[in-house]
N, C-alpha and C. Protein backbone atom coordinates (compact mmCIF):
# COMPACT_ATOMS: atom_id res chain seq x y z
N MET A 1 0.62 -0.55 -48.69
CA MET A 1 -0.08 0.01 -47.53
C MET A 1 -0.20 -1.10 -46.46
N ASN A 2 0.14 -0.78 -45.27
CA ASN A 2 0.02 -1.75 -44.17
C ASN A 2 -1.38 -1.74 -43.65
N ILE A 3 -2.01 -2.93 -43.69
CA ILE A 3 -3.37 -3.06 -43.20
C ILE A 3 -3.38 -4.17 -42.14
N SER A 4 -3.91 -3.85 -40.98
CA SER A 4 -3.92 -4.81 -39.86
C SER A 4 -4.83 -5.99 -40.16
N ARG A 5 -4.73 -7.00 -39.34
CA ARG A 5 -5.56 -8.21 -39.52
C ARG A 5 -7.03 -7.88 -39.36
N ARG A 6 -7.37 -7.05 -38.39
CA ARG A 6 -8.79 -6.68 -38.18
C ARG A 6 -9.33 -5.88 -39.37
N GLU A 7 -8.48 -4.94 -39.90
CA GLU A 7 -8.90 -4.18 -41.05
C GLU A 7 -9.10 -5.08 -42.27
N GLN A 8 -8.22 -6.07 -42.44
CA GLN A 8 -8.34 -7.01 -43.53
C GLN A 8 -9.66 -7.80 -43.43
N ARG A 9 -9.99 -8.22 -42.22
CA ARG A 9 -11.19 -9.00 -41.98
C ARG A 9 -12.42 -8.19 -42.37
N VAL A 10 -12.49 -6.93 -41.92
CA VAL A 10 -13.63 -6.08 -42.23
C VAL A 10 -13.70 -5.81 -43.73
N LEU A 11 -12.59 -5.50 -44.37
CA LEU A 11 -12.57 -5.25 -45.79
C LEU A 11 -13.01 -6.49 -46.59
N HIS A 12 -12.60 -7.64 -46.11
CA HIS A 12 -12.98 -8.89 -46.79
C HIS A 12 -14.51 -9.10 -46.73
N VAL A 13 -15.08 -8.85 -45.55
CA VAL A 13 -16.53 -8.95 -45.41
C VAL A 13 -17.26 -7.96 -46.34
N LEU A 14 -16.73 -6.73 -46.41
CA LEU A 14 -17.33 -5.73 -47.29
C LEU A 14 -17.17 -6.09 -48.75
N ALA A 15 -16.04 -6.71 -49.12
CA ALA A 15 -15.80 -7.10 -50.50
C ALA A 15 -16.76 -8.20 -50.93
N LEU A 16 -17.23 -9.00 -49.96
CA LEU A 16 -18.15 -10.07 -50.27
C LEU A 16 -19.62 -9.63 -50.23
N GLY A 17 -19.85 -8.34 -50.11
CA GLY A 17 -21.22 -7.84 -50.16
C GLY A 17 -21.73 -7.30 -48.82
N GLY A 18 -20.91 -7.18 -47.82
CA GLY A 18 -21.33 -6.65 -46.54
C GLY A 18 -21.48 -5.13 -46.57
N ARG A 19 -21.90 -4.57 -45.43
CA ARG A 19 -22.04 -3.11 -45.35
C ARG A 19 -21.86 -2.69 -43.88
N ILE A 20 -21.57 -1.40 -43.70
CA ILE A 20 -21.43 -0.84 -42.36
C ILE A 20 -22.54 0.20 -42.15
N LEU A 21 -23.40 -0.08 -41.19
CA LEU A 21 -24.47 0.86 -40.84
C LEU A 21 -23.91 1.81 -39.81
N HIS A 22 -24.26 3.08 -39.91
CA HIS A 22 -23.77 4.09 -38.98
C HIS A 22 -24.91 4.89 -38.38
N GLU A 23 -24.67 5.40 -37.19
CA GLU A 23 -25.65 6.24 -36.50
C GLU A 23 -25.01 7.58 -36.16
N ARG A 24 -25.75 8.64 -36.36
CA ARG A 24 -25.27 9.98 -36.04
C ARG A 24 -26.04 10.55 -34.86
N ALA A 25 -25.39 11.48 -34.15
CA ALA A 25 -26.00 12.10 -32.96
C ALA A 25 -26.59 13.47 -33.33
N GLY A 26 -27.45 13.51 -34.29
CA GLY A 26 -28.07 14.79 -34.66
C GLY A 26 -27.24 15.65 -35.56
N GLY A 27 -25.93 15.51 -35.56
CA GLY A 27 -25.04 16.32 -36.36
C GLY A 27 -24.22 15.45 -37.28
N PRO A 28 -23.08 15.95 -37.70
CA PRO A 28 -22.26 15.18 -38.65
C PRO A 28 -21.42 14.07 -38.01
N LYS A 29 -21.30 14.07 -36.69
CA LYS A 29 -20.43 13.12 -36.01
C LYS A 29 -21.10 11.75 -35.90
N ILE A 30 -20.36 10.72 -36.31
CA ILE A 30 -20.85 9.32 -36.21
C ILE A 30 -20.53 8.80 -34.82
N ILE A 31 -21.56 8.25 -34.14
CA ILE A 31 -21.39 7.80 -32.76
C ILE A 31 -21.29 6.27 -32.63
N SER A 32 -21.84 5.53 -33.59
CA SER A 32 -21.74 4.07 -33.50
C SER A 32 -21.84 3.46 -34.90
N VAL A 33 -21.20 2.28 -35.05
CA VAL A 33 -21.22 1.58 -36.33
C VAL A 33 -21.50 0.11 -36.07
N THR A 34 -22.13 -0.53 -37.05
CA THR A 34 -22.43 -1.96 -37.01
C THR A 34 -22.07 -2.52 -38.40
N CYS A 35 -21.17 -3.50 -38.42
CA CYS A 35 -20.77 -4.14 -39.66
C CYS A 35 -21.60 -5.40 -39.87
N LEU A 36 -22.27 -5.47 -40.99
CA LEU A 36 -23.13 -6.63 -41.33
C LEU A 36 -22.54 -7.36 -42.51
N THR A 37 -22.57 -8.70 -42.45
CA THR A 37 -22.16 -9.48 -43.60
C THR A 37 -23.35 -9.53 -44.58
N ARG A 38 -23.13 -10.11 -45.72
CA ARG A 38 -24.22 -10.18 -46.73
C ARG A 38 -25.33 -11.10 -46.26
N ASP A 39 -25.03 -12.00 -45.29
CA ASP A 39 -26.04 -12.91 -44.73
C ASP A 39 -26.82 -12.28 -43.58
N GLY A 40 -26.38 -11.09 -43.12
CA GLY A 40 -27.07 -10.42 -42.04
C GLY A 40 -26.43 -10.63 -40.66
N ALA A 41 -25.34 -11.36 -40.61
CA ALA A 41 -24.64 -11.57 -39.32
C ALA A 41 -23.83 -10.30 -38.95
N ILE A 42 -23.67 -10.06 -37.68
CA ILE A 42 -22.93 -8.89 -37.21
C ILE A 42 -21.49 -9.30 -36.98
N LEU A 43 -20.53 -8.50 -37.53
CA LEU A 43 -19.11 -8.71 -37.34
C LEU A 43 -18.67 -7.89 -36.12
N SER A 44 -18.22 -8.57 -35.08
CA SER A 44 -17.90 -7.88 -33.82
C SER A 44 -16.54 -7.17 -33.87
N ASP A 45 -15.71 -7.46 -34.86
CA ASP A 45 -14.38 -6.85 -34.94
C ASP A 45 -14.44 -5.36 -35.33
N CYS A 46 -15.54 -4.92 -35.92
CA CYS A 46 -15.61 -3.56 -36.42
C CYS A 46 -16.13 -2.62 -35.32
N ASP A 47 -15.26 -1.75 -34.85
CA ASP A 47 -15.67 -0.75 -33.85
C ASP A 47 -15.39 0.65 -34.43
N LEU A 48 -15.71 1.66 -33.65
CA LEU A 48 -15.62 3.04 -34.14
C LEU A 48 -14.18 3.47 -34.50
N PRO A 49 -13.16 3.16 -33.69
CA PRO A 49 -11.78 3.52 -34.10
C PRO A 49 -11.33 2.83 -35.38
N LEU A 50 -11.68 1.57 -35.54
CA LEU A 50 -11.33 0.85 -36.78
C LEU A 50 -12.06 1.46 -37.97
N PHE A 51 -13.33 1.76 -37.80
CA PHE A 51 -14.13 2.41 -38.86
C PHE A 51 -13.49 3.73 -39.25
N ASN A 52 -13.08 4.51 -38.27
CA ASN A 52 -12.45 5.82 -38.59
C ASN A 52 -11.13 5.66 -39.34
N ARG A 53 -10.33 4.65 -38.99
CA ARG A 53 -9.10 4.37 -39.73
C ARG A 53 -9.38 4.00 -41.17
N LEU A 54 -10.37 3.14 -41.42
CA LEU A 54 -10.73 2.75 -42.77
C LEU A 54 -11.22 3.93 -43.58
N ARG A 55 -12.04 4.76 -42.93
CA ARG A 55 -12.56 5.93 -43.64
C ARG A 55 -11.48 6.95 -43.92
N LYS A 56 -10.56 7.14 -42.99
CA LYS A 56 -9.47 8.11 -43.17
C LYS A 56 -8.55 7.69 -44.33
N ARG A 57 -8.35 6.37 -44.48
CA ARG A 57 -7.51 5.85 -45.56
C ARG A 57 -8.29 5.71 -46.86
N ARG A 58 -9.57 6.05 -46.86
CA ARG A 58 -10.45 5.99 -48.02
C ARG A 58 -10.60 4.57 -48.58
N LEU A 59 -10.64 3.62 -47.66
CA LEU A 59 -10.84 2.22 -48.06
C LEU A 59 -12.33 1.86 -48.06
N ILE A 60 -13.15 2.72 -47.41
CA ILE A 60 -14.60 2.56 -47.42
C ILE A 60 -15.23 3.90 -47.79
N GLU A 61 -16.45 3.85 -48.31
CA GLU A 61 -17.11 5.10 -48.71
C GLU A 61 -18.62 4.95 -48.60
N SER A 62 -19.28 6.07 -48.46
CA SER A 62 -20.74 6.12 -48.40
C SER A 62 -21.22 7.17 -49.41
N LYS A 63 -22.25 6.86 -50.11
CA LYS A 63 -22.78 7.82 -51.11
C LYS A 63 -24.16 8.28 -50.66
N SER A 64 -24.29 9.56 -50.45
CA SER A 64 -25.53 10.24 -50.07
C SER A 64 -26.26 9.57 -48.90
N GLY A 65 -25.51 9.32 -47.81
CA GLY A 65 -26.12 8.82 -46.60
C GLY A 65 -26.40 7.33 -46.54
N SER A 66 -26.06 6.61 -47.57
CA SER A 66 -26.30 5.17 -47.57
C SER A 66 -25.24 4.46 -46.69
N PRO A 67 -25.41 3.16 -46.39
CA PRO A 67 -24.42 2.45 -45.60
C PRO A 67 -23.05 2.46 -46.26
N TYR A 68 -22.02 2.39 -45.46
CA TYR A 68 -20.65 2.37 -46.00
C TYR A 68 -20.36 1.04 -46.65
N ARG A 69 -19.70 1.10 -47.78
CA ARG A 69 -19.29 -0.08 -48.53
C ARG A 69 -17.82 0.07 -48.91
N ILE A 70 -17.23 -0.99 -49.39
CA ILE A 70 -15.82 -0.95 -49.76
C ILE A 70 -15.62 -0.08 -51.02
N SER A 71 -14.57 0.71 -51.03
CA SER A 71 -14.29 1.56 -52.19
C SER A 71 -13.37 0.83 -53.17
N ARG A 72 -13.14 1.42 -54.28
CA ARG A 72 -12.23 0.82 -55.26
C ARG A 72 -10.86 0.65 -54.69
N ARG A 73 -10.40 1.64 -53.97
CA ARG A 73 -9.10 1.57 -53.32
C ARG A 73 -9.05 0.42 -52.30
N GLY A 74 -10.14 0.24 -51.59
CA GLY A 74 -10.23 -0.84 -50.62
C GLY A 74 -10.20 -2.20 -51.26
N ARG A 75 -10.89 -2.34 -52.41
CA ARG A 75 -10.88 -3.61 -53.14
C ARG A 75 -9.49 -3.94 -53.64
N LEU A 76 -8.72 -2.95 -54.02
CA LEU A 76 -7.35 -3.19 -54.49
C LEU A 76 -6.39 -3.51 -53.34
N SER A 77 -6.74 -3.07 -52.14
CA SER A 77 -5.86 -3.26 -50.97
C SER A 77 -6.09 -4.56 -50.23
N VAL A 78 -7.28 -5.17 -50.35
CA VAL A 78 -7.59 -6.36 -49.57
C VAL A 78 -6.89 -7.56 -50.19
N ARG A 79 -6.38 -8.43 -49.31
CA ARG A 79 -5.74 -9.66 -49.76
C ARG A 79 -6.82 -10.72 -50.07
N ALA A 80 -6.57 -11.53 -51.07
CA ALA A 80 -7.50 -12.60 -51.40
C ALA A 80 -7.35 -13.72 -50.38
N GLN A 81 -8.47 -14.23 -49.90
CA GLN A 81 -8.48 -15.36 -48.99
C GLN A 81 -9.82 -16.09 -49.13
N LEU A 82 -9.81 -17.36 -48.75
CA LEU A 82 -11.00 -18.18 -48.95
C LEU A 82 -12.11 -17.80 -47.98
N ASP A 83 -11.78 -17.55 -46.75
CA ASP A 83 -12.77 -17.12 -45.75
C ASP A 83 -12.14 -16.10 -44.84
N ASN A 84 -12.94 -15.47 -43.99
CA ASN A 84 -12.42 -14.43 -43.16
C ASN A 84 -12.05 -14.91 -41.76
N LYS A 85 -11.83 -16.19 -41.58
CA LYS A 85 -11.46 -16.72 -40.27
C LYS A 85 -9.96 -16.65 -40.02
N GLY A 86 -9.16 -16.65 -41.04
CA GLY A 86 -7.73 -16.56 -40.88
C GLY A 86 -7.19 -15.39 -41.66
N ALA A 87 -6.00 -14.97 -41.34
CA ALA A 87 -5.47 -13.84 -42.08
C ALA A 87 -4.06 -14.03 -42.35
């Protein structure tokens, strides 16, 4: 599966314990996302189109309204690297 550098970076942060917080506009449609590292820092690379691509490929998942986390498929797809500064 071809995964872009930005997608790899977000998946790597999620694999290390990060999460994606989402906001809805009263209905089922998600209007904004915020990717947080396990330390609480905000990852600026994660925007709504990238989030939708990851969700469409089932690389991230949410269970009963909780924040999005990496799925099993996402863990198998992410490349191993020491830090998320290079790809």
